[in-house]
Amino acid sequence: MRNASISRRTAETDVSVSIDLDGTGKAAITTGVGFLDHMLELFARHGLFDVEIKCEGDLHVDQHHTTEDIGIALGQAVAKALGDKRGIARYADIHMPMDETLSRLAIDISGRPFLVFRTSFRVEKIGQFDTELVREFFQAFAMNAGITLHVETLYGDNAHHIAESLFKGLARALRKAVAIDPREEGRVPSTKGSL
């Protein structure tokens, strides 16, 4: 069973996350931020991960702490669910279209967290959501999941489409990277013997 739960409480947020990497795409997301709920539901559905997220955050300040802390907790839950990473494919990439937008994401479940984020938005907000928080989420997720993650929007105009292509792309690439490769026969996919 590749599942995990994480609870994280600070003066700014109270977050609980659970994930089943071998789920069916069920999502129960309550963050208090409608656009983020939508993106995380897409992540669950397209990754075929069963995800539950509850967050009570200091939304009277802004949405930054909520978004970042969910990224932290979700990343930690993925890392915990993967355990010693035996038998996983480890690497994956995908091109994700969304109408006029095309984004490319590549993942290495390496244990060496790193983010390259080459995406920009022409507007500061999608509804009430600050577009700069998309990068904050990806940064928090990659660092806490222990993955190398390259994210690039090759082209696109609509900010909602760009964000959606990134979250769907993350889901699909992660789904492929965490998949069990029967040819690995339960080995850790590294010449070092550990990740």
N, C-alpha and C. Protein backbone atom coordinates (compact mmCIF):
# COMPACT_ATOMS: atom_id res chain seq x y z
N MET A 1 0.84 -1.19 0.00
CA MET A 1 0.00 0.00 0.00
C MET A 1 0.88 1.24 0.00
N ARG A 2 0.80 2.01 -1.08
CA ARG A 2 1.62 3.21 -1.19
C ARG A 2 0.75 4.42 -0.88
N ASN A 3 0.51 4.61 0.42
CA ASN A 3 -0.29 5.75 0.84
C ASN A 3 0.34 6.36 2.08
N ALA A 4 -0.02 7.59 2.35
CA ALA A 4 0.54 8.30 3.50
C ALA A 4 -0.36 9.45 3.89
N SER A 5 -0.25 9.84 5.15
CA SER A 5 -0.95 11.01 5.66
C SER A 5 0.04 11.91 6.37
N ILE A 6 -0.17 13.20 6.22
CA ILE A 6 0.69 14.22 6.85
C ILE A 6 -0.22 15.27 7.48
N SER A 7 0.11 15.67 8.70
CA SER A 7 -0.55 16.82 9.33
C SER A 7 0.52 17.85 9.63
N ARG A 8 0.20 19.10 9.38
CA ARG A 8 1.18 20.19 9.58
C ARG A 8 0.43 21.39 10.13
N ARG A 9 0.82 21.82 11.32
CA ARG A 9 0.17 22.98 11.94
C ARG A 9 1.22 24.03 12.26
N THR A 10 0.95 25.25 11.82
CA THR A 10 1.79 26.40 12.15
C THR A 10 0.87 27.51 12.65
N ALA A 11 1.47 28.65 12.95
CA ALA A 11 0.67 29.80 13.35
C ALA A 11 -0.15 30.35 12.18
N GLU A 12 0.21 29.91 10.94
CA GLU A 12 -0.44 30.44 9.75
C GLU A 12 -1.46 29.48 9.13
N THR A 13 -1.21 28.18 9.26
CA THR A 13 -2.09 27.19 8.63
C THR A 13 -2.21 25.93 9.48
N ASP A 14 -3.27 25.21 9.24
CA ASP A 14 -3.48 23.87 9.80
C ASP A 14 -3.86 22.98 8.61
N VAL A 15 -2.92 22.12 8.19
CA VAL A 15 -3.08 21.34 6.96
C VAL A 15 -3.06 19.86 7.29
N SER A 16 -3.97 19.11 6.69
CA SER A 16 -3.89 17.65 6.72
C SER A 16 -4.04 17.14 5.29
N VAL A 17 -3.16 16.20 4.93
CA VAL A 17 -3.12 15.66 3.58
C VAL A 17 -3.02 14.15 3.67
N SER A 18 -3.76 13.45 2.83
CA SER A 18 -3.54 12.02 2.64
C SER A 18 -3.54 11.74 1.15
N ILE A 19 -2.70 10.77 0.74
CA ILE A 19 -2.60 10.40 -0.67
C ILE A 19 -2.42 8.91 -0.79
N ASP A 20 -3.06 8.34 -1.79
CA ASP A 20 -2.86 6.96 -2.20
C ASP A 20 -2.38 7.01 -3.64
N LEU A 21 -1.12 6.63 -3.85
CA LEU A 21 -0.52 6.73 -5.18
C LEU A 21 -1.15 5.75 -6.16
N ASP A 22 -1.80 4.72 -5.66
CA ASP A 22 -2.40 3.70 -6.51
C ASP A 22 -3.93 3.77 -6.46
N GLY A 23 -4.44 4.99 -6.45
CA GLY A 23 -5.88 5.20 -6.33
C GLY A 23 -6.59 5.22 -7.66
N THR A 24 -7.72 5.90 -7.66
CA THR A 24 -8.56 5.99 -8.86
C THR A 24 -8.86 7.43 -9.25
N GLY A 25 -8.26 8.38 -8.55
CA GLY A 25 -8.47 9.79 -8.88
C GLY A 25 -9.52 10.48 -8.05
N LYS A 26 -9.88 9.88 -6.89
CA LYS A 26 -10.87 10.51 -6.02
C LYS A 26 -10.22 11.69 -5.28
N ALA A 27 -10.97 12.76 -5.13
CA ALA A 27 -10.46 13.94 -4.46
C ALA A 27 -11.49 14.50 -3.49
N ALA A 28 -11.02 14.86 -2.30
CA ALA A 28 -11.82 15.60 -1.33
C ALA A 28 -10.94 16.75 -0.86
N ILE A 29 -11.13 17.91 -1.48
CA ILE A 29 -10.22 19.04 -1.29
C ILE A 29 -10.99 20.21 -0.70
N THR A 30 -10.52 20.73 0.42
CA THR A 30 -11.11 21.93 1.03
C THR A 30 -9.98 22.81 1.53
N THR A 31 -9.63 23.82 0.74
CA THR A 31 -8.52 24.70 1.11
C THR A 31 -8.98 26.11 1.47
N GLY A 32 -10.21 26.45 1.13
CA GLY A 32 -10.66 27.83 1.29
C GLY A 32 -10.30 28.70 0.11
N VAL A 33 -9.57 28.13 -0.87
CA VAL A 33 -9.16 28.86 -2.07
C VAL A 33 -9.72 28.10 -3.26
N GLY A 34 -10.77 28.63 -3.87
CA GLY A 34 -11.49 27.91 -4.91
C GLY A 34 -10.63 27.48 -6.08
N PHE A 35 -9.78 28.37 -6.58
CA PHE A 35 -8.95 28.02 -7.73
C PHE A 35 -7.97 26.92 -7.36
N LEU A 36 -7.40 26.97 -6.17
CA LEU A 36 -6.46 25.93 -5.74
C LEU A 36 -7.17 24.59 -5.58
N ASP A 37 -8.39 24.62 -5.04
CA ASP A 37 -9.19 23.39 -4.97
C ASP A 37 -9.32 22.75 -6.36
N HIS A 38 -9.63 23.58 -7.34
CA HIS A 38 -9.82 23.11 -8.71
C HIS A 38 -8.53 22.47 -9.24
N MET A 39 -7.39 23.13 -9.04
CA MET A 39 -6.11 22.60 -9.53
C MET A 39 -5.75 21.28 -8.84
N LEU A 40 -6.01 21.20 -7.56
CA LEU A 40 -5.68 19.97 -6.82
C LEU A 40 -6.63 18.83 -7.18
N GLU A 41 -7.87 19.14 -7.50
CA GLU A 41 -8.78 18.11 -8.00
C GLU A 41 -8.30 17.57 -9.34
N LEU A 42 -7.79 18.46 -10.20
CA LEU A 42 -7.20 18.02 -11.47
C LEU A 42 -5.99 17.14 -11.23
N PHE A 43 -5.15 17.52 -10.27
CA PHE A 43 -3.96 16.74 -9.93
C PHE A 43 -4.35 15.32 -9.52
N ALA A 44 -5.35 15.20 -8.67
CA ALA A 44 -5.80 13.88 -8.23
C ALA A 44 -6.36 13.07 -9.39
N ARG A 45 -7.25 13.68 -10.17
CA ARG A 45 -7.93 12.96 -11.24
C ARG A 45 -6.98 12.48 -12.31
N HIS A 46 -6.07 13.35 -12.75
CA HIS A 46 -5.19 12.99 -13.85
C HIS A 46 -3.99 12.17 -13.41
N GLY A 47 -3.67 12.21 -12.12
CA GLY A 47 -2.63 11.34 -11.60
C GLY A 47 -3.16 9.98 -11.19
N LEU A 48 -4.48 9.86 -11.12
CA LEU A 48 -5.14 8.69 -10.54
C LEU A 48 -4.68 8.46 -9.11
N PHE A 49 -4.49 9.57 -8.40
CA PHE A 49 -4.17 9.53 -6.98
C PHE A 49 -5.45 9.81 -6.20
N ASP A 50 -5.68 9.08 -5.12
CA ASP A 50 -6.75 9.44 -4.20
C ASP A 50 -6.18 10.45 -3.21
N VAL A 51 -6.75 11.63 -3.16
CA VAL A 51 -6.18 12.73 -2.38
C VAL A 51 -7.26 13.36 -1.51
N GLU A 52 -6.93 13.53 -0.25
CA GLU A 52 -7.75 14.32 0.67
C GLU A 52 -6.88 15.43 1.23
N ILE A 53 -7.37 16.65 1.15
CA ILE A 53 -6.65 17.81 1.68
C ILE A 53 -7.64 18.70 2.40
N LYS A 54 -7.31 19.04 3.63
CA LYS A 54 -8.06 20.04 4.39
C LYS A 54 -7.06 21.08 4.87
N CYS A 55 -7.43 22.32 4.72
CA CYS A 55 -6.57 23.39 5.19
C CYS A 55 -7.40 24.53 5.74
N GLU A 56 -7.02 25.00 6.90
CA GLU A 56 -7.53 26.25 7.45
C GLU A 56 -6.34 27.18 7.54
N GLY A 57 -6.38 28.23 6.75
CA GLY A 57 -5.25 29.14 6.69
C GLY A 57 -5.63 30.57 6.97
N ASP A 58 -4.61 31.40 7.06
CA ASP A 58 -4.81 32.83 7.36
C ASP A 58 -5.19 33.59 6.09
N LEU A 59 -6.34 33.23 5.54
CA LEU A 59 -6.78 33.85 4.29
C LEU A 59 -7.14 35.32 4.46
N HIS A 60 -7.29 35.77 5.70
CA HIS A 60 -7.51 37.20 5.93
C HIS A 60 -6.24 38.00 5.59
N VAL A 61 -5.08 37.31 5.57
CA VAL A 61 -3.83 37.95 5.16
C VAL A 61 -3.74 37.88 3.64
N ASP A 62 -3.61 36.67 3.10
CA ASP A 62 -3.68 36.38 1.67
C ASP A 62 -3.64 34.87 1.50
N GLN A 63 -3.44 34.41 0.27
CA GLN A 63 -3.49 32.97 -0.02
C GLN A 63 -2.11 32.31 -0.06
N HIS A 64 -1.08 33.08 0.22
CA HIS A 64 0.29 32.59 0.09
C HIS A 64 0.58 31.42 1.03
N HIS A 65 0.34 31.60 2.32
CA HIS A 65 0.69 30.57 3.29
C HIS A 65 -0.10 29.29 3.05
N THR A 66 -1.37 29.43 2.71
CA THR A 66 -2.21 28.27 2.42
C THR A 66 -1.64 27.48 1.25
N THR A 67 -1.34 28.17 0.15
CA THR A 67 -0.84 27.51 -1.06
C THR A 67 0.50 26.84 -0.80
N GLU A 68 1.43 27.57 -0.19
CA GLU A 68 2.76 27.03 0.06
C GLU A 68 2.71 25.84 1.03
N ASP A 69 1.96 25.97 2.10
CA ASP A 69 1.93 24.90 3.11
C ASP A 69 1.24 23.64 2.59
N ILE A 70 0.27 23.79 1.70
CA ILE A 70 -0.32 22.62 1.06
C ILE A 70 0.72 21.94 0.16
N GLY A 71 1.50 22.73 -0.56
CA GLY A 71 2.58 22.17 -1.37
C GLY A 71 3.58 21.41 -0.52
N ILE A 72 3.93 21.96 0.63
CA ILE A 72 4.85 21.29 1.55
C ILE A 72 4.28 19.97 2.01
N ALA A 73 3.06 19.99 2.51
CA ALA A 73 2.45 18.78 3.08
C ALA A 73 2.19 17.72 2.01
N LEU A 74 1.74 18.14 0.83
CA LEU A 74 1.50 17.18 -0.24
C LEU A 74 2.82 16.55 -0.70
N GLY A 75 3.86 17.35 -0.80
CA GLY A 75 5.17 16.81 -1.15
C GLY A 75 5.66 15.81 -0.13
N GLN A 76 5.51 16.13 1.15
CA GLN A 76 5.92 15.21 2.21
C GLN A 76 5.12 13.91 2.16
N ALA A 77 3.84 14.01 1.85
CA ALA A 77 2.99 12.82 1.77
C ALA A 77 3.43 11.93 0.61
N VAL A 78 3.75 12.52 -0.53
CA VAL A 78 4.23 11.73 -1.67
C VAL A 78 5.53 11.03 -1.32
N ALA A 79 6.47 11.75 -0.71
CA ALA A 79 7.75 11.14 -0.33
C ALA A 79 7.54 9.99 0.65
N LYS A 80 6.68 10.17 1.61
CA LYS A 80 6.40 9.13 2.59
C LYS A 80 5.73 7.92 1.94
N ALA A 81 4.79 8.16 1.03
CA ALA A 81 4.09 7.06 0.36
C ALA A 81 5.04 6.25 -0.52
N LEU A 82 6.07 6.89 -1.07
CA LEU A 82 7.03 6.19 -1.92
C LEU A 82 8.00 5.32 -1.14
N GLY A 83 8.17 5.60 0.13
CA GLY A 83 9.08 4.78 0.95
C GLY A 83 10.48 4.76 0.37
N ASP A 84 11.05 3.56 0.19
CA ASP A 84 12.42 3.47 -0.32
C ASP A 84 12.48 3.50 -1.85
N LYS A 85 11.34 3.66 -2.49
CA LYS A 85 11.23 3.85 -3.94
C LYS A 85 11.58 2.61 -4.76
N ARG A 86 11.54 1.46 -4.14
CA ARG A 86 11.86 0.22 -4.87
C ARG A 86 10.88 -0.02 -6.01
N GLY A 87 11.42 -0.33 -7.17
CA GLY A 87 10.62 -0.75 -8.31
C GLY A 87 9.97 0.35 -9.12
N ILE A 88 10.14 1.62 -8.73
CA ILE A 88 9.47 2.69 -9.48
C ILE A 88 10.19 3.00 -10.79
N ALA A 89 9.47 3.60 -11.71
CA ALA A 89 10.06 4.01 -12.99
C ALA A 89 11.08 5.13 -12.79
N ARG A 90 10.87 5.98 -11.83
CA ARG A 90 11.73 7.09 -11.39
C ARG A 90 11.66 8.32 -12.30
N TYR A 91 11.84 8.16 -13.59
CA TYR A 91 11.87 9.30 -14.52
C TYR A 91 10.59 9.35 -15.33
N ALA A 92 10.15 10.55 -15.67
CA ALA A 92 9.02 10.71 -16.58
C ALA A 92 8.99 12.13 -17.11
N ASP A 93 8.43 12.28 -18.28
CA ASP A 93 8.19 13.62 -18.81
C ASP A 93 6.90 13.60 -19.62
N ILE A 94 6.39 14.77 -19.86
CA ILE A 94 5.14 14.87 -20.61
C ILE A 94 5.02 16.26 -21.23
N HIS A 95 4.38 16.32 -22.37
CA HIS A 95 3.92 17.58 -22.94
C HIS A 95 2.42 17.63 -22.68
N MET A 96 1.96 18.69 -22.06
CA MET A 96 0.55 18.79 -21.68
C MET A 96 -0.11 19.97 -22.42
N PRO A 97 -0.99 19.67 -23.37
CA PRO A 97 -1.72 20.74 -24.05
C PRO A 97 -2.96 21.13 -23.26
N MET A 98 -3.31 22.38 -23.36
CA MET A 98 -4.58 22.87 -22.82
C MET A 98 -5.01 24.02 -23.73
N ASP A 99 -5.85 23.70 -24.70
CA ASP A 99 -6.26 24.66 -25.72
C ASP A 99 -5.03 25.28 -26.39
N GLU A 100 -4.83 26.59 -26.27
CA GLU A 100 -3.72 27.25 -26.96
C GLU A 100 -2.38 27.10 -26.24
N THR A 101 -2.39 26.48 -25.08
CA THR A 101 -1.20 26.38 -24.23
C THR A 101 -0.56 25.01 -24.37
N LEU A 102 0.78 24.99 -24.32
CA LEU A 102 1.52 23.73 -24.27
C LEU A 102 2.62 23.86 -23.23
N SER A 103 2.60 22.97 -22.25
CA SER A 103 3.63 22.96 -21.20
C SER A 103 4.35 21.62 -21.21
N ARG A 104 5.61 21.66 -20.79
CA ARG A 104 6.45 20.46 -20.71
C ARG A 104 6.91 20.31 -19.26
N LEU A 105 6.75 19.11 -18.72
CA LEU A 105 7.21 18.81 -17.36
C LEU A 105 8.04 17.54 -17.38
N ALA A 106 9.14 17.55 -16.63
CA ALA A 106 10.00 16.38 -16.50
C ALA A 106 10.34 16.18 -15.04
N ILE A 107 10.31 14.91 -14.60
CA ILE A 107 10.50 14.56 -13.19
C ILE A 107 11.58 13.51 -13.06
N ASP A 108 12.40 13.67 -12.04
CA ASP A 108 13.30 12.62 -11.57
C ASP A 108 13.05 12.48 -10.07
N ILE A 109 12.55 11.32 -9.66
CA ILE A 109 12.36 11.06 -8.22
C ILE A 109 13.71 10.65 -7.67
N SER A 110 14.52 11.64 -7.42
CA SER A 110 15.95 11.46 -7.20
C SER A 110 16.37 11.52 -5.74
N GLY A 111 15.54 12.09 -4.89
CA GLY A 111 15.99 12.40 -3.54
C GLY A 111 16.81 13.68 -3.49
N ARG A 112 16.99 14.31 -4.64
CA ARG A 112 17.73 15.58 -4.72
C ARG A 112 16.76 16.65 -5.21
N PRO A 113 16.13 17.37 -4.31
CA PRO A 113 15.10 18.33 -4.73
C PRO A 113 15.67 19.51 -5.49
N PHE A 114 15.01 19.82 -6.60
CA PHE A 114 15.41 20.96 -7.42
C PHE A 114 14.23 21.34 -8.29
N LEU A 115 14.03 22.62 -8.49
CA LEU A 115 12.97 23.10 -9.38
C LEU A 115 13.53 24.06 -10.41
N VAL A 116 13.25 23.79 -11.67
CA VAL A 116 13.43 24.76 -12.74
C VAL A 116 12.03 25.13 -13.21
N PHE A 117 11.69 26.40 -13.15
CA PHE A 117 10.33 26.85 -13.44
C PHE A 117 10.40 27.96 -14.48
N ARG A 118 10.10 27.62 -15.72
CA ARG A 118 10.15 28.58 -16.82
C ARG A 118 8.74 28.81 -17.35
N THR A 119 7.97 29.46 -16.56
CA THR A 119 6.59 29.79 -16.90
C THR A 119 6.31 31.20 -16.40
N SER A 120 5.62 31.97 -17.20
CA SER A 120 5.22 33.30 -16.76
C SER A 120 3.75 33.51 -17.12
N PHE A 121 3.16 34.41 -16.39
CA PHE A 121 1.74 34.74 -16.59
C PHE A 121 1.64 36.21 -16.98
N ARG A 122 0.75 36.50 -17.89
CA ARG A 122 0.58 37.88 -18.35
C ARG A 122 -0.29 38.70 -17.41
N VAL A 123 -0.96 38.02 -16.50
CA VAL A 123 -1.83 38.72 -15.54
C VAL A 123 -1.40 38.32 -14.13
N GLU A 124 -1.73 39.16 -13.16
CA GLU A 124 -1.34 38.90 -11.78
C GLU A 124 -2.31 37.99 -11.05
N LYS A 125 -3.54 37.88 -11.54
CA LYS A 125 -4.55 37.09 -10.83
C LYS A 125 -5.37 36.25 -11.79
N ILE A 126 -5.77 35.08 -11.29
CA ILE A 126 -6.79 34.26 -11.93
C ILE A 126 -7.96 34.29 -10.94
N GLY A 127 -8.98 35.04 -11.24
CA GLY A 127 -10.01 35.30 -10.24
C GLY A 127 -9.38 36.03 -9.06
N GLN A 128 -9.44 35.44 -7.87
CA GLN A 128 -8.82 36.03 -6.68
C GLN A 128 -7.45 35.42 -6.37
N PHE A 129 -6.98 34.49 -7.22
CA PHE A 129 -5.76 33.74 -6.96
C PHE A 129 -4.56 34.43 -7.61
N ASP A 130 -3.52 34.71 -6.82
CA ASP A 130 -2.30 35.33 -7.35
C ASP A 130 -1.54 34.33 -8.20
N THR A 131 -1.27 34.67 -9.45
CA THR A 131 -0.60 33.72 -10.35
C THR A 131 0.82 33.38 -9.88
N GLU A 132 1.48 34.27 -9.14
CA GLU A 132 2.82 33.96 -8.64
C GLU A 132 2.80 32.79 -7.65
N LEU A 133 1.63 32.46 -7.12
CA LEU A 133 1.54 31.36 -6.16
C LEU A 133 1.63 29.99 -6.83
N VAL A 134 1.44 29.94 -8.15
CA VAL A 134 1.63 28.67 -8.85
C VAL A 134 3.07 28.20 -8.66
N ARG A 135 4.03 29.11 -8.87
CA ARG A 135 5.43 28.73 -8.66
C ARG A 135 5.70 28.37 -7.20
N GLU A 136 5.11 29.10 -6.28
CA GLU A 136 5.31 28.80 -4.85
C GLU A 136 4.84 27.39 -4.51
N PHE A 137 3.72 26.98 -5.08
CA PHE A 137 3.24 25.62 -4.86
C PHE A 137 4.24 24.60 -5.41
N PHE A 138 4.67 24.79 -6.66
CA PHE A 138 5.58 23.83 -7.28
C PHE A 138 6.92 23.77 -6.54
N GLN A 139 7.39 24.91 -6.08
CA GLN A 139 8.64 24.95 -5.30
C GLN A 139 8.50 24.15 -4.01
N ALA A 140 7.44 24.41 -3.27
CA ALA A 140 7.21 23.71 -2.00
C ALA A 140 7.03 22.21 -2.23
N PHE A 141 6.29 21.86 -3.27
CA PHE A 141 6.05 20.45 -3.56
C PHE A 141 7.35 19.73 -3.91
N ALA A 142 8.11 20.28 -4.85
CA ALA A 142 9.35 19.62 -5.29
C ALA A 142 10.35 19.46 -4.14
N MET A 143 10.52 20.51 -3.34
CA MET A 143 11.49 20.44 -2.25
C MET A 143 11.11 19.38 -1.21
N ASN A 144 9.83 19.25 -0.96
CA ASN A 144 9.39 18.34 0.10
C ASN A 144 9.11 16.92 -0.40
N ALA A 145 8.87 16.77 -1.69
CA ALA A 145 8.74 15.43 -2.27
C ALA A 145 10.12 14.83 -2.55
N GLY A 146 11.16 15.68 -2.57
CA GLY A 146 12.50 15.20 -2.86
C GLY A 146 12.68 14.85 -4.33
N ILE A 147 12.10 15.66 -5.21
CA ILE A 147 12.19 15.38 -6.63
C ILE A 147 12.87 16.52 -7.37
N THR A 148 13.49 16.17 -8.49
CA THR A 148 13.93 17.18 -9.44
C THR A 148 12.78 17.38 -10.41
N LEU A 149 12.38 18.63 -10.59
CA LEU A 149 11.21 18.94 -11.40
C LEU A 149 11.52 20.10 -12.33
N HIS A 150 11.36 19.85 -13.62
CA HIS A 150 11.53 20.89 -14.62
C HIS A 150 10.15 21.21 -15.21
N VAL A 151 9.81 22.48 -15.19
CA VAL A 151 8.49 22.95 -15.63
C VAL A 151 8.70 24.09 -16.62
N GLU A 152 8.10 23.96 -17.79
CA GLU A 152 8.24 25.03 -18.78
C GLU A 152 6.98 25.12 -19.62
N THR A 153 6.47 26.33 -19.75
CA THR A 153 5.37 26.57 -20.68
C THR A 153 5.98 27.02 -21.99
N LEU A 154 5.79 26.20 -23.02
CA LEU A 154 6.39 26.50 -24.33
C LEU A 154 5.68 27.66 -25.00
N TYR A 155 4.36 27.71 -24.85
CA TYR A 155 3.57 28.85 -25.32
C TYR A 155 2.19 28.77 -24.71
N GLY A 156 1.53 29.91 -24.68
CA GLY A 156 0.19 29.98 -24.11
C GLY A 156 -0.16 31.42 -23.78
N ASP A 157 -1.45 31.73 -23.76
CA ASP A 157 -1.91 33.08 -23.50
C ASP A 157 -2.79 33.17 -22.25
N ASN A 158 -3.74 32.25 -22.12
CA ASN A 158 -4.72 32.31 -21.06
C ASN A 158 -4.13 31.79 -19.76
N ALA A 159 -4.16 32.60 -18.71
CA ALA A 159 -3.51 32.23 -17.44
C ALA A 159 -4.13 30.98 -16.82
N HIS A 160 -5.44 30.85 -16.90
CA HIS A 160 -6.10 29.66 -16.36
C HIS A 160 -5.62 28.41 -17.11
N HIS A 161 -5.53 28.50 -18.43
CA HIS A 161 -5.06 27.37 -19.22
C HIS A 161 -3.62 27.01 -18.90
N ILE A 162 -2.79 28.02 -18.70
CA ILE A 162 -1.38 27.77 -18.36
C ILE A 162 -1.29 27.04 -17.02
N ALA A 163 -1.97 27.55 -16.02
CA ALA A 163 -1.93 26.90 -14.70
C ALA A 163 -2.48 25.48 -14.78
N GLU A 164 -3.57 25.31 -15.50
CA GLU A 164 -4.18 23.99 -15.61
C GLU A 164 -3.25 23.02 -16.32
N SER A 165 -2.55 23.47 -17.35
CA SER A 165 -1.61 22.58 -18.04
C SER A 165 -0.48 22.16 -17.12
N LEU A 166 -0.09 23.02 -16.19
CA LEU A 166 1.00 22.69 -15.26
C LEU A 166 0.55 21.66 -14.22
N PHE A 167 -0.62 21.85 -13.64
CA PHE A 167 -1.09 20.91 -12.63
C PHE A 167 -1.43 19.56 -13.25
N LYS A 168 -2.06 19.56 -14.43
CA LYS A 168 -2.33 18.30 -15.11
C LYS A 168 -1.03 17.62 -15.53
N GLY A 169 -0.09 18.42 -16.01
CA GLY A 169 1.20 17.87 -16.41
C GLY A 169 1.96 17.27 -15.25
N LEU A 170 1.92 17.94 -14.10
CA LEU A 170 2.55 17.39 -12.91
C LEU A 170 1.92 16.05 -12.56
N ALA A 171 0.60 15.99 -12.61
CA ALA A 171 -0.11 14.76 -12.28
C ALA A 171 0.29 13.62 -13.20
N ARG A 172 0.26 13.87 -14.50
CA ARG A 172 0.55 12.82 -15.47
C ARG A 172 2.02 12.38 -15.42
N ALA A 173 2.94 13.32 -15.26
CA ALA A 173 4.35 12.94 -15.18
C ALA A 173 4.63 12.18 -13.88
N LEU A 174 4.06 12.66 -12.78
CA LEU A 174 4.27 11.98 -11.51
C LEU A 174 3.66 10.58 -11.54
N ARG A 175 2.49 10.46 -12.15
CA ARG A 175 1.84 9.15 -12.28
C ARG A 175 2.77 8.16 -12.98
N LYS A 176 3.44 8.60 -14.05
CA LYS A 176 4.35 7.72 -14.78
C LYS A 176 5.61 7.43 -13.98
N ALA A 177 6.13 8.44 -13.27
CA ALA A 177 7.38 8.26 -12.52
C ALA A 177 7.22 7.35 -11.31
N VAL A 178 6.06 7.38 -10.65
CA VAL A 178 5.85 6.54 -9.47
C VAL A 178 5.35 5.15 -9.83
N ALA A 179 5.03 4.92 -11.11
CA ALA A 179 4.51 3.62 -11.55
C ALA A 179 5.56 2.53 -11.27
N ILE A 180 5.08 1.37 -10.91
CA ILE A 180 5.97 0.23 -10.69
C ILE A 180 6.38 -0.35 -12.04
N ASP A 181 7.68 -0.47 -12.24
CA ASP A 181 8.25 -1.04 -13.45
C ASP A 181 8.57 -2.50 -13.17
N PRO A 182 7.84 -3.44 -13.77
CA PRO A 182 8.07 -4.85 -13.45
C PRO A 182 9.48 -5.32 -13.81
N ARG A 183 10.13 -4.65 -14.73
CA ARG A 183 11.50 -5.05 -15.10
C ARG A 183 12.51 -4.70 -14.01
N GLU A 184 12.14 -3.77 -13.12
CA GLU A 184 13.03 -3.44 -12.00
C GLU A 184 13.08 -4.55 -10.95
N GLU A 185 12.05 -5.38 -10.95
CA GLU A 185 11.99 -6.52 -10.02
C GLU A 185 12.24 -6.10 -8.57
N GLY A 186 11.64 -4.94 -8.20
CA GLY A 186 11.72 -4.49 -6.83
C GLY A 186 13.02 -3.81 -6.44
N ARG A 187 13.88 -3.56 -7.40
CA ARG A 187 15.15 -2.87 -7.09
C ARG A 187 14.92 -1.37 -7.01
N VAL A 188 15.81 -0.68 -6.29
CA VAL A 188 15.85 0.78 -6.31
C VAL A 188 16.48 1.20 -7.62
N PRO A 189 15.84 2.07 -8.41
CA PRO A 189 16.35 2.43 -9.73
C PRO A 189 17.52 3.42 -9.68
N SER A 190 18.63 2.93 -9.15
CA SER A 190 19.84 3.76 -9.04
C SER A 190 21.04 2.83 -8.89
N THR A 191 22.15 3.21 -9.50
CA THR A 191 23.39 2.43 -9.33
C THR A 191 23.92 2.56 -7.91
N LYS A 192 23.48 3.60 -7.18
CA LYS A 192 23.92 3.78 -5.79
C LYS A 192 23.21 2.83 -4.84
N GLY A 193 22.06 2.31 -5.27
CA GLY A 193 21.30 1.40 -4.43
C GLY A 193 20.30 2.09 -3.52
N SER A 194 20.26 3.42 -3.55
CA SER A 194 19.28 4.15 -2.75
C SER A 194 19.02 5.49 -3.43
N LEU A 195 17.85 6.03 -3.15
CA LEU A 195 17.47 7.34 -3.66
C LEU A 195 17.07 8.23 -2.49
